[in-house]
PDB file of all heavy atoms in Angstrom:
ATOM      1  N   GLY A   1       2.764  -8.895 -14.311  1.00  0.00           N
ATOM      2  CA  GLY A   1       3.539  -8.757 -15.542  1.00  0.00           C
ATOM      3  C   GLY A   1       3.264  -7.493 -16.326  1.00  0.00           C
ATOM      4  O   GLY A   1       3.497  -7.446 -17.539  1.00  0.00           O
ATOM      5  N   ALA A   2       2.767  -6.460 -15.648  1.00  0.00           N
ATOM      6  CA  ALA A   2       2.435  -5.206 -16.332  1.00  0.00           C
ATOM      7  C   ALA A   2       3.646  -4.296 -16.455  1.00  0.00           C
ATOM      8  O   ALA A   2       4.531  -4.279 -15.601  1.00  0.00           O
ATOM      9  CB  ALA A   2       1.315  -4.476 -15.600  1.00  0.00           C
ATOM     10  N   LEU A   3       3.658  -3.517 -17.513  1.00  0.00           N
ATOM     11  CA  LEU A   3       4.678  -2.503 -17.746  1.00  0.00           C
ATOM     12  C   LEU A   3       4.269  -1.246 -16.984  1.00  0.00           C
ATOM     13  O   LEU A   3       3.102  -0.861 -16.996  1.00  0.00           O
ATOM     14  CB  LEU A   3       4.749  -2.213 -19.241  1.00  0.00           C
ATOM     15  CG  LEU A   3       5.955  -1.470 -19.809  1.00  0.00           C
ATOM     16  CD1 LEU A   3       7.194  -2.353 -19.726  1.00  0.00           C
ATOM     17  CD2 LEU A   3       5.669  -1.092 -21.266  1.00  0.00           C
ATOM     18  N   VAL A   4       5.230  -0.603 -16.325  1.00  0.00           N
ATOM     19  CA  VAL A   4       4.944   0.613 -15.558  1.00  0.00           C
ATOM     20  C   VAL A   4       5.550   1.820 -16.268  1.00  0.00           C
ATOM     21  O   VAL A   4       6.762   1.879 -16.492  1.00  0.00           O
ATOM     22  CB  VAL A   4       5.496   0.523 -14.121  1.00  0.00           C
ATOM     23  CG1 VAL A   4       5.164   1.813 -13.352  1.00  0.00           C
ATOM     24  CG2 VAL A   4       4.926  -0.694 -13.405  1.00  0.00           C
ATOM     25  N   ILE A   5       4.688   2.764 -16.645  1.00  0.00           N
ATOM     26  CA  ILE A   5       5.118   3.996 -17.306  1.00  0.00           C
ATOM     27  C   ILE A   5       4.779   5.160 -16.381  1.00  0.00           C
ATOM     28  O   ILE A   5       3.651   5.262 -15.887  1.00  0.00           O
ATOM     29  CB  ILE A   5       4.416   4.187 -18.659  1.00  0.00           C
ATOM     30  CG1 ILE A   5       4.716   2.998 -19.586  1.00  0.00           C
ATOM     31  CG2 ILE A   5       4.848   5.492 -19.313  1.00  0.00           C
ATOM     32  CD1 ILE A   5       3.967   3.051 -20.917  1.00  0.00           C
ATOM     33  N   VAL A   6       5.748   6.048 -16.143  1.00  0.00           N
ATOM     34  CA  VAL A   6       5.534   7.182 -15.244  1.00  0.00           C
ATOM     35  C   VAL A   6       5.868   8.495 -15.955  1.00  0.00           C
ATOM     36  O   VAL A   6       6.961   8.656 -16.501  1.00  0.00           O
ATOM     37  CB  VAL A   6       6.395   7.066 -13.963  1.00  0.00           C
ATOM     38  CG1 VAL A   6       6.212   8.306 -13.082  1.00  0.00           C
ATOM     39  CG2 VAL A   6       6.033   5.807 -13.177  1.00  0.00           C
ATOM     40  N   ASP A   7       4.918   9.408 -15.938  1.00  0.00           N
ATOM     41  CA  ASP A   7       5.130  10.765 -16.443  1.00  0.00           C
ATOM     42  C   ASP A   7       5.820  11.561 -15.340  1.00  0.00           C
ATOM     43  O   ASP A   7       5.239  11.832 -14.289  1.00  0.00           O
ATOM     44  CB  ASP A   7       3.786  11.404 -16.817  1.00  0.00           C
ATOM     45  CG  ASP A   7       3.943  12.774 -17.463  1.00  0.00           C
ATOM     46  OD1 ASP A   7       4.977  13.432 -17.237  1.00  0.00           O
ATOM     47  OD2 ASP A   7       3.013  13.198 -18.172  1.00  0.00           O
ATOM     48  N   ASN A   8       7.070  11.935 -15.583  1.00  0.00           N
ATOM     49  CA  ASN A   8       7.900  12.611 -14.585  1.00  0.00           C
ATOM     50  C   ASN A   8       8.081  14.097 -14.897  1.00  0.00           C
ATOM     51  O   ASN A   8       8.993  14.738 -14.380  1.00  0.00           O
ATOM     52  CB  ASN A   8       9.282  11.925 -14.531  1.00  0.00           C
ATOM     53  CG  ASN A   8      10.021  12.153 -13.225  1.00  0.00           C
ATOM     54  OD1 ASN A   8       9.414  12.277 -12.171  1.00  0.00           O
ATOM     55  ND2 ASN A   8      11.344  12.198 -13.291  1.00  0.00           N
ATOM     56  N   THR A   9       7.191  14.642 -15.730  1.00  0.00           N
ATOM     57  CA  THR A   9       7.343  16.022 -16.195  1.00  0.00           C
ATOM     58  C   THR A   9       7.380  17.020 -15.047  1.00  0.00           C
ATOM     59  O   THR A   9       8.260  17.886 -14.991  1.00  0.00           O
ATOM     60  CB  THR A   9       6.200  16.392 -17.162  1.00  0.00           C
ATOM     61  OG1 THR A   9       6.244  15.522 -18.300  1.00  0.00           O
ATOM     62  CG2 THR A   9       6.333  17.831 -17.633  1.00  0.00           C
ATOM     63  N   PHE A  10       6.435  16.924 -14.115  1.00  0.00           N
ATOM     64  CA  PHE A  10       6.364  17.883 -13.021  1.00  0.00           C
ATOM     65  C   PHE A  10       7.542  17.755 -12.063  1.00  0.00           C
ATOM     66  O   PHE A  10       8.041  18.747 -11.540  1.00  0.00           O
ATOM     67  CB  PHE A  10       5.049  17.707 -12.243  1.00  0.00           C
ATOM     68  CG  PHE A  10       3.933  18.597 -12.701  1.00  0.00           C
ATOM     69  CD1 PHE A  10       3.852  19.017 -14.018  1.00  0.00           C
ATOM     70  CD2 PHE A  10       2.949  19.007 -11.824  1.00  0.00           C
ATOM     71  CE1 PHE A  10       2.819  19.837 -14.449  1.00  0.00           C
ATOM     72  CE2 PHE A  10       1.906  19.831 -12.234  1.00  0.00           C
ATOM     73  CZ  PHE A  10       1.852  20.250 -13.548  1.00  0.00           C
ATOM     74  N   ALA A  11       7.980  16.536 -11.801  1.00  0.00           N
ATOM     75  CA  ALA A  11       9.040  16.325 -10.810  1.00  0.00           C
ATOM     76  C   ALA A  11      10.421  16.629 -11.374  1.00  0.00           C
ATOM     77  O   ALA A  11      11.262  17.203 -10.674  1.00  0.00           O
ATOM     78  CB  ALA A  11       8.990  14.896 -10.283  1.00  0.00           C
ATOM     79  N   THR A  12      10.669  16.231 -12.621  1.00  0.00           N
ATOM     80  CA  THR A  12      11.973  16.300 -13.284  1.00  0.00           C
ATOM     81  C   THR A  12      12.945  15.302 -12.665  1.00  0.00           C
ATOM     82  O   THR A  12      12.761  14.882 -11.514  1.00  0.00           O
ATOM     83  CB  THR A  12      12.625  17.709 -13.244  1.00  0.00           C
ATOM     84  OG1 THR A  12      13.268  17.919 -11.977  1.00  0.00           O
ATOM     85  CG2 THR A  12      11.630  18.802 -13.528  1.00  0.00           C
ATOM     86  N   PRO A  13      14.008  14.937 -13.402  1.00  0.00           N
ATOM     87  CA  PRO A  13      15.000  14.020 -12.843  1.00  0.00           C
ATOM     88  C   PRO A  13      15.841  14.633 -11.730  1.00  0.00           C
ATOM     89  O   PRO A  13      16.615  13.920 -11.081  1.00  0.00           O
ATOM     90  CB  PRO A  13      15.875  13.662 -14.057  1.00  0.00           C
ATOM     91  CG  PRO A  13      15.653  14.753 -15.037  1.00  0.00           C
ATOM     92  CD  PRO A  13      14.252  15.231 -14.830  1.00  0.00           C
ATOM     93  N   ILE A  14      15.689  15.925 -11.490  1.00  0.00           N
ATOM     94  CA  ILE A  14      16.383  16.544 -10.355  1.00  0.00           C
ATOM     95  C   ILE A  14      15.717  16.141  -9.047  1.00  0.00           C
ATOM     96  O   ILE A  14      16.380  15.926  -8.032  1.00  0.00           O
ATOM     97  CB  ILE A  14      16.403  18.084 -10.499  1.00  0.00           C
ATOM     98  CG1 ILE A  14      17.055  18.506 -11.818  1.00  0.00           C
ATOM     99  CG2 ILE A  14      17.104  18.732  -9.304  1.00  0.00           C
ATOM    100  CD1 ILE A  14      18.473  17.997 -12.010  1.00  0.00           C
ATOM    101  N   ASN A  15      14.406  16.013  -9.058  1.00  0.00           N
ATOM    102  CA  ASN A  15      13.655  15.735  -7.829  1.00  0.00           C
ATOM    103  C   ASN A  15      13.250  14.270  -7.654  1.00  0.00           C
ATOM    104  O   ASN A  15      13.047  13.828  -6.521  1.00  0.00           O
ATOM    105  CB  ASN A  15      12.385  16.594  -7.794  1.00  0.00           C
ATOM    106  CG  ASN A  15      12.680  18.070  -7.652  1.00  0.00           C
ATOM    107  OD1 ASN A  15      13.692  18.460  -7.075  1.00  0.00           O
ATOM    108  ND2 ASN A  15      11.808  18.907  -8.197  1.00  0.00           N
ATOM    109  N   GLN A  16      13.113  13.518  -8.728  1.00  0.00           N
ATOM    110  CA  GLN A  16      12.526  12.174  -8.629  1.00  0.00           C
ATOM    111  C   GLN A  16      13.060  11.260  -9.721  1.00  0.00           C
ATOM    112  O   GLN A  16      13.209  11.686 -10.870  1.00  0.00           O
ATOM    113  CB  GLN A  16      11.009  12.309  -8.750  1.00  0.00           C
ATOM    114  CG  GLN A  16      10.212  11.028  -8.698  1.00  0.00           C
ATOM    115  CD  GLN A  16       8.721  11.314  -8.665  1.00  0.00           C
ATOM    116  OE1 GLN A  16       8.127  11.434  -7.607  1.00  0.00           O
ATOM    117  NE2 GLN A  16       8.097  11.456  -9.843  1.00  0.00           N
ATOM    118  N   HIS A  17      13.322   9.991  -9.372  1.00  0.00           N
ATOM    119  CA  HIS A  17      13.815   8.998 -10.334  1.00  0.00           C
ATOM    120  C   HIS A  17      12.898   7.771 -10.331  1.00  0.00           C
ATOM    121  O   HIS A  17      13.132   6.809  -9.604  1.00  0.00           O
ATOM    122  CB  HIS A  17      15.248   8.580 -10.011  1.00  0.00           C
ATOM    123  CG  HIS A  17      16.271   9.601 -10.394  1.00  0.00           C
ATOM    124  ND1 HIS A  17      16.940  10.370  -9.474  1.00  0.00           N
ATOM    125  CD2 HIS A  17      16.713  10.001 -11.612  1.00  0.00           C
ATOM    126  CE1 HIS A  17      17.766  11.188 -10.100  1.00  0.00           C
ATOM    127  NE2 HIS A  17      17.643  10.989 -11.399  1.00  0.00           N
ATOM    128  N   PRO A  18      11.849   7.782 -11.146  1.00  0.00           N
ATOM    129  CA  PRO A  18      10.904   6.662 -11.170  1.00  0.00           C
ATOM    130  C   PRO A  18      11.543   5.309 -11.497  1.00  0.00           C
ATOM    131  O   PRO A  18      11.078   4.281 -11.009  1.00  0.00           O
ATOM    132  CB  PRO A  18       9.901   7.073 -12.256  1.00  0.00           C
ATOM    133  CG  PRO A  18       9.935   8.566 -12.239  1.00  0.00           C
ATOM    134  CD  PRO A  18      11.371   8.905 -11.986  1.00  0.00           C
ATOM    135  N   LEU A  19      12.578   5.292 -12.335  1.00  0.00           N
ATOM    136  CA  LEU A  19      13.190   4.009 -12.706  1.00  0.00           C
ATOM    137  C   LEU A  19      13.787   3.310 -11.496  1.00  0.00           C
ATOM    138  O   LEU A  19      13.738   2.080 -11.392  1.00  0.00           O
ATOM    139  CB  LEU A  19      14.262   4.220 -13.782  1.00  0.00           C
ATOM    140  CG  LEU A  19      13.771   4.765 -15.129  1.00  0.00           C
ATOM    141  CD1 LEU A  19      14.947   4.942 -16.090  1.00  0.00           C
ATOM    142  CD2 LEU A  19      12.710   3.856 -15.756  1.00  0.00           C
ATOM    143  N   THR A  20      14.340   4.060 -10.575  1.00  0.00           N
ATOM    144  CA  THR A  20      14.916   3.454  -9.370  1.00  0.00           C
ATOM    145  C   THR A  20      13.830   2.997  -8.400  1.00  0.00           C
ATOM    146  O   THR A  20      14.109   2.235  -7.471  1.00  0.00           O
ATOM    147  CB  THR A  20      15.856   4.436  -8.646  1.00  0.00           C
ATOM    148  OG1 THR A  20      15.095   5.543  -8.146  1.00  0.00           O
ATOM    149  CG2 THR A  20      16.936   4.950  -9.586  1.00  0.00           C
ATOM    150  N   LEU A  21      12.600   3.456  -8.623  1.00  0.00           N
ATOM    151  CA  LEU A  21      11.473   3.080  -7.765  1.00  0.00           C
ATOM    152  C   LEU A  21      10.654   1.936  -8.352  1.00  0.00           C
ATOM    153  O   LEU A  21       9.643   1.541  -7.769  1.00  0.00           O
ATOM    154  CB  LEU A  21      10.572   4.295  -7.540  1.00  0.00           C
ATOM    155  CG  LEU A  21      11.215   5.475  -6.802  1.00  0.00           C
ATOM    156  CD1 LEU A  21      10.322   6.709  -6.870  1.00  0.00           C
ATOM    157  CD2 LEU A  21      11.507   5.112  -5.355  1.00  0.00           C
ATOM    158  N   GLY A  22      11.079   1.418  -9.497  1.00  0.00           N
ATOM    159  CA  GLY A  22      10.399   0.263 -10.068  1.00  0.00           C
ATOM    160  C   GLY A  22       9.727   0.485 -11.402  1.00  0.00           C
ATOM    161  O   GLY A  22       9.214  -0.465 -11.998  1.00  0.00           O
ATOM    162  N   ALA A  23       9.696   1.724 -11.892  1.00  0.00           N
ATOM    163  CA  ALA A  23       9.084   1.988 -13.202  1.00  0.00           C
ATOM    164  C   ALA A  23       9.946   1.396 -14.313  1.00  0.00           C
ATOM    165  O   ALA A  23      11.159   1.225 -14.166  1.00  0.00           O
ATOM    166  CB  ALA A  23       8.911   3.484 -13.414  1.00  0.00           C
ATOM    167  N   ASP A  24       9.304   1.069 -15.432  1.00  0.00           N
ATOM    168  CA  ASP A  24      10.016   0.536 -16.603  1.00  0.00           C
ATOM    169  C   ASP A  24      10.369   1.639 -17.595  1.00  0.00           C
ATOM    170  O   ASP A  24      11.414   1.595 -18.235  1.00  0.00           O
ATOM    171  CB  ASP A  24       9.143  -0.511 -17.305  1.00  0.00           C
ATOM    172  CG  ASP A  24       8.858  -1.700 -16.421  1.00  0.00           C
ATOM    173  OD1 ASP A  24       9.808  -2.421 -16.080  1.00  0.00           O
ATOM    174  OD2 ASP A  24       7.677  -1.894 -16.057  1.00  0.00           O
ATOM    175  N   ILE A  25       9.472   2.616 -17.731  1.00  0.00           N
ATOM    176  CA  ILE A  25       9.685   3.735 -18.649  1.00  0.00           C
ATOM    177  C   ILE A  25       9.324   5.022 -17.921  1.00  0.00           C
ATOM    178  O   ILE A  25       8.298   5.099 -17.241  1.00  0.00           O
ATOM    179  CB  ILE A  25       8.831   3.591 -19.928  1.00  0.00           C
ATOM    180  CG1 ILE A  25       9.338   2.425 -20.791  1.00  0.00           C
ATOM    181  CG2 ILE A  25       8.822   4.883 -20.730  1.00  0.00           C
ATOM    182  CD1 ILE A  25       8.482   2.158 -22.018  1.00  0.00           C
ATOM    183  N   VAL A  26      10.170   6.029 -18.050  1.00  0.00           N
ATOM    184  CA  VAL A  26       9.869   7.362 -17.527  1.00  0.00           C
ATOM    185  C   VAL A  26       9.799   8.304 -18.722  1.00  0.00           C
ATOM    186  O   VAL A  26      10.598   8.198 -19.657  1.00  0.00           O
ATOM    187  CB  VAL A  26      10.922   7.821 -16.500  1.00  0.00           C
ATOM    188  CG1 VAL A  26      12.316   7.820 -17.097  1.00  0.00           C
ATOM    189  CG2 VAL A  26      10.596   9.204 -15.957  1.00  0.00           C
ATOM    190  N   LEU A  27       8.811   9.192 -18.707  1.00  0.00           N
ATOM    191  CA  LEU A  27       8.663  10.110 -19.839  1.00  0.00           C
ATOM    192  C   LEU A  27       8.539  11.550 -19.375  1.00  0.00           C
ATOM    193  O   LEU A  27       8.185  11.830 -18.222  1.00  0.00           O
ATOM    194  CB  LEU A  27       7.481   9.705 -20.718  1.00  0.00           C
ATOM    195  CG  LEU A  27       6.061   9.748 -20.161  1.00  0.00           C
ATOM    196  CD1 LEU A  27       5.464  11.153 -20.274  1.00  0.00           C
ATOM    197  CD2 LEU A  27       5.175   8.763 -20.900  1.00  0.00           C
ATOM    198  N   HIS A  28       8.843  12.458 -20.302  1.00  0.00           N
ATOM    199  CA  HIS A  28       8.775  13.895 -20.038  1.00  0.00           C
ATOM    200  C   HIS A  28       8.194  14.632 -21.232  1.00  0.00           C
ATOM    201  O   HIS A  28       8.480  14.278 -22.379  1.00  0.00           O
ATOM    202  CB  HIS A  28      10.178  14.483 -19.813  1.00  0.00           C
ATOM    203  CG  HIS A  28      10.863  14.017 -18.583  1.00  0.00           C
ATOM    204  ND1 HIS A  28      10.767  14.680 -17.373  1.00  0.00           N
ATOM    205  CD2 HIS A  28      11.674  12.946 -18.371  1.00  0.00           C
ATOM    206  CE1 HIS A  28      11.493  14.036 -16.476  1.00  0.00           C
ATOM    207  NE2 HIS A  28      12.047  12.985 -17.058  1.00  0.00           N
ATOM    208  N   SER A  29       7.429  15.662 -20.943  1.00  0.00           N
ATOM    209  CA  SER A  29       7.212  16.708 -21.929  1.00  0.00           C
ATOM    210  C   SER A  29       8.415  17.625 -21.780  1.00  0.00           C
ATOM    211  O   SER A  29       8.493  18.438 -20.847  1.00  0.00           O
ATOM    212  CB  SER A  29       5.912  17.466 -21.660  1.00  0.00           C
ATOM    213  OG  SER A  29       5.846  18.598 -22.508  1.00  0.00           O
ATOM    214  N   ALA A  30       9.373  17.487 -22.687  1.00  0.00           N
ATOM    215  CA  ALA A  30      10.617  18.254 -22.592  1.00  0.00           C
ATOM    216  C   ALA A  30      10.385  19.740 -22.826  1.00  0.00           C
ATOM    217  O   ALA A  30      11.251  20.570 -22.504  1.00  0.00           O
ATOM    218  CB  ALA A  30      11.633  17.718 -23.602  1.00  0.00           C
ATOM    219  N   SER A  31       9.215  20.090 -23.370  1.00  0.00           N
ATOM    220  CA  SER A  31       8.859  21.492 -23.588  1.00  0.00           C
ATOM    221  C   SER A  31       8.781  22.256 -22.274  1.00  0.00           C
ATOM    222  O   SER A  31       8.854  23.489 -22.266  1.00  0.00           O
ATOM    223  CB  SER A  31       7.498  21.593 -24.286  1.00  0.00           C
ATOM    224  OG  SER A  31       7.326  20.592 -25.259  1.00  0.00           O
ATOM    225  N   LYS A  32       8.622  21.531 -21.171  1.00  0.00           N
ATOM    226  CA  LYS A  32       8.405  22.155 -19.869  1.00  0.00           C
ATOM    227  C   LYS A  32       9.739  22.386 -19.150  1.00  0.00           C
ATOM    228  O   LYS A  32      10.547  23.184 -19.593  1.00  0.00           O
ATOM    229  CB  LYS A  32       7.444  21.293 -19.048  1.00  0.00           C
ATOM    230  CG  LYS A  32       6.168  20.873 -19.783  1.00  0.00           C
ATOM    231  CD  LYS A  32       5.354  22.049 -20.271  1.00  0.00           C
ATOM    232  CE  LYS A  32       3.987  21.669 -20.795  1.00  0.00           C
ATOM    233  NZ  LYS A  32       3.966  20.778 -21.955  1.00  0.00           N
ATOM    234  N   TYR A  33       9.965  21.687 -18.046  1.00  0.00           N
ATOM    235  CA  TYR A  33      11.133  21.966 -17.218  1.00  0.00           C
ATOM    236  C   TYR A  33      12.466  21.638 -17.883  1.00  0.00           C
ATOM    237  O   TYR A  33      13.461  22.331 -17.666  1.00  0.00           O
ATOM    238  CB  TYR A  33      11.042  21.197 -15.899  1.00  0.00           C
ATOM    239  CG  TYR A  33      10.078  21.795 -14.920  1.00  0.00           C
ATOM    240  CD1 TYR A  33       8.841  21.210 -14.687  1.00  0.00           C
ATOM    241  CD2 TYR A  33      10.396  22.955 -14.216  1.00  0.00           C
ATOM    242  CE1 TYR A  33       7.952  21.757 -13.789  1.00  0.00           C
ATOM    243  CE2 TYR A  33       9.514  23.514 -13.316  1.00  0.00           C
ATOM    244  CZ  TYR A  33       8.293  22.917 -13.096  1.00  0.00           C
ATOM    245  OH  TYR A  33       7.418  23.473 -12.209  1.00  0.00           O
ATOM    246  N   LEU A  34      12.532  20.583 -18.681  1.00  0.00           N
ATOM    247  CA  LEU A  34      13.821  20.210 -19.258  1.00  0.00           C
ATOM    248  C   LEU A  34      14.374  21.345 -20.105  1.00  0.00           C
ATOM    249  O   LEU A  34      15.517  21.774 -19.931  1.00  0.00           O
ATOM    250  CB  LEU A  34      13.693  18.927 -20.090  1.00  0.00           C
ATOM    251  CG  LEU A  34      13.355  17.640 -19.325  1.00  0.00           C
ATOM    252  CD1 LEU A  34      13.453  16.438 -20.252  1.00  0.00           C
ATOM    253  CD2 LEU A  34      14.268  17.445 -18.115  1.00  0.00           C
ATOM    254  N   GLY A  35      13.570  21.846 -21.038  1.00  0.00           N
ATOM    255  CA  GLY A  35      13.997  22.988 -21.845  1.00  0.00           C
ATOM    256  C   GLY A  35      14.036  24.264 -21.025  1.00  0.00           C
ATOM    257  O   GLY A  35      14.995  25.025 -21.071  1.00  0.00           O
ATOM    258  N   GLY A  36      12.953  24.513 -20.302  1.00  0.00           N
ATOM    259  CA  GLY A  36      12.920  25.580 -19.314  1.00  0.00           C
ATOM    260  C   GLY A  36      12.783  27.002 -19.827  1.00  0.00           C
ATOM    261  O   GLY A  36      12.757  27.940 -19.034  1.00  0.00           O
ATOM    262  N   HIS A  37      12.690  27.185 -21.146  1.00  0.00           N
ATOM    263  CA  HIS A  37      12.635  28.548 -21.678  1.00  0.00           C
ATOM    264  C   HIS A  37      11.451  28.774 -22.619  1.00  0.00           C
ATOM    265  O   HIS A  37      11.378  29.818 -23.288  1.00  0.00           O
ATOM    266  CB  HIS A  37      13.945  28.896 -22.399  1.00  0.00           C
ATOM    267  CG  HIS A  37      15.102  29.017 -21.469  1.00  0.00           C
ATOM    268  ND1 HIS A  37      15.736  27.909 -20.922  1.00  0.00           N
ATOM    269  CD2 HIS A  37      15.731  30.096 -20.956  1.00  0.00           C
ATOM    270  CE1 HIS A  37      16.717  28.320 -20.126  1.00  0.00           C
ATOM    271  NE2 HIS A  37      16.733  29.635 -20.124  1.00  0.00           N
ATOM    272  N   ALA A  38      10.539  27.819 -22.693  1.00  0.00           N
ATOM    273  CA  ALA A  38       9.307  27.970 -23.475  1.00  0.00           C
ATOM    274  C   ALA A  38       9.575  28.306 -24.938  1.00  0.00           C
ATOM    275  O   ALA A  38       8.806  29.042 -25.561  1.00  0.00           O
ATOM    276  CB  ALA A  38       8.401  29.034 -22.837  1.00  0.00           C
ATOM    277  N   ASP A  39      10.675  27.766 -25.474  1.00  0.00           N
ATOM    278  CA  ASP A  39      10.998  28.071 -26.866  1.00  0.00           C
ATOM    279  C   ASP A  39      11.237  26.828 -27.714  1.00  0.00           C
ATOM    280  O   ASP A  39      11.724  26.926 -28.845  1.00  0.00           O
ATOM    281  CB  ASP A  39      12.228  28.988 -26.941  1.00  0.00           C
ATOM    282  CG  ASP A  39      13.464  28.381 -26.271  1.00  0.00           C
ATOM    283  OD1 ASP A  39      13.385  27.243 -25.762  1.00  0.00           O
ATOM    284  OD2 ASP A  39      14.514  29.057 -26.256  1.00  0.00           O
ATOM    285  N   ALA A  40      10.881  25.651 -27.188  1.00  0.00           N
ATOM    286  CA  ALA A  40      11.098  24.414 -27.943  1.00  0.00           C
ATOM    287  C   ALA A  40      10.088  23.357 -27.517  1.00  0.00           C
ATOM    288  O   ALA A  40       9.863  23.154 -26.325  1.00  0.00           O
ATOM    289  CB  ALA A  40      12.521  23.894 -27.725  1.00  0.00           C
TER     290      ALA A  40
END
């Protein structure tokens, strides 16, 4: 009955989808690949 949280920052949703693999919550440091320009 445990909650599964996966940090997907390195993989990004382009390469990996933890929710489809059984995770309950996926998280990102959006400062990294999502933003991609080191300005936010």
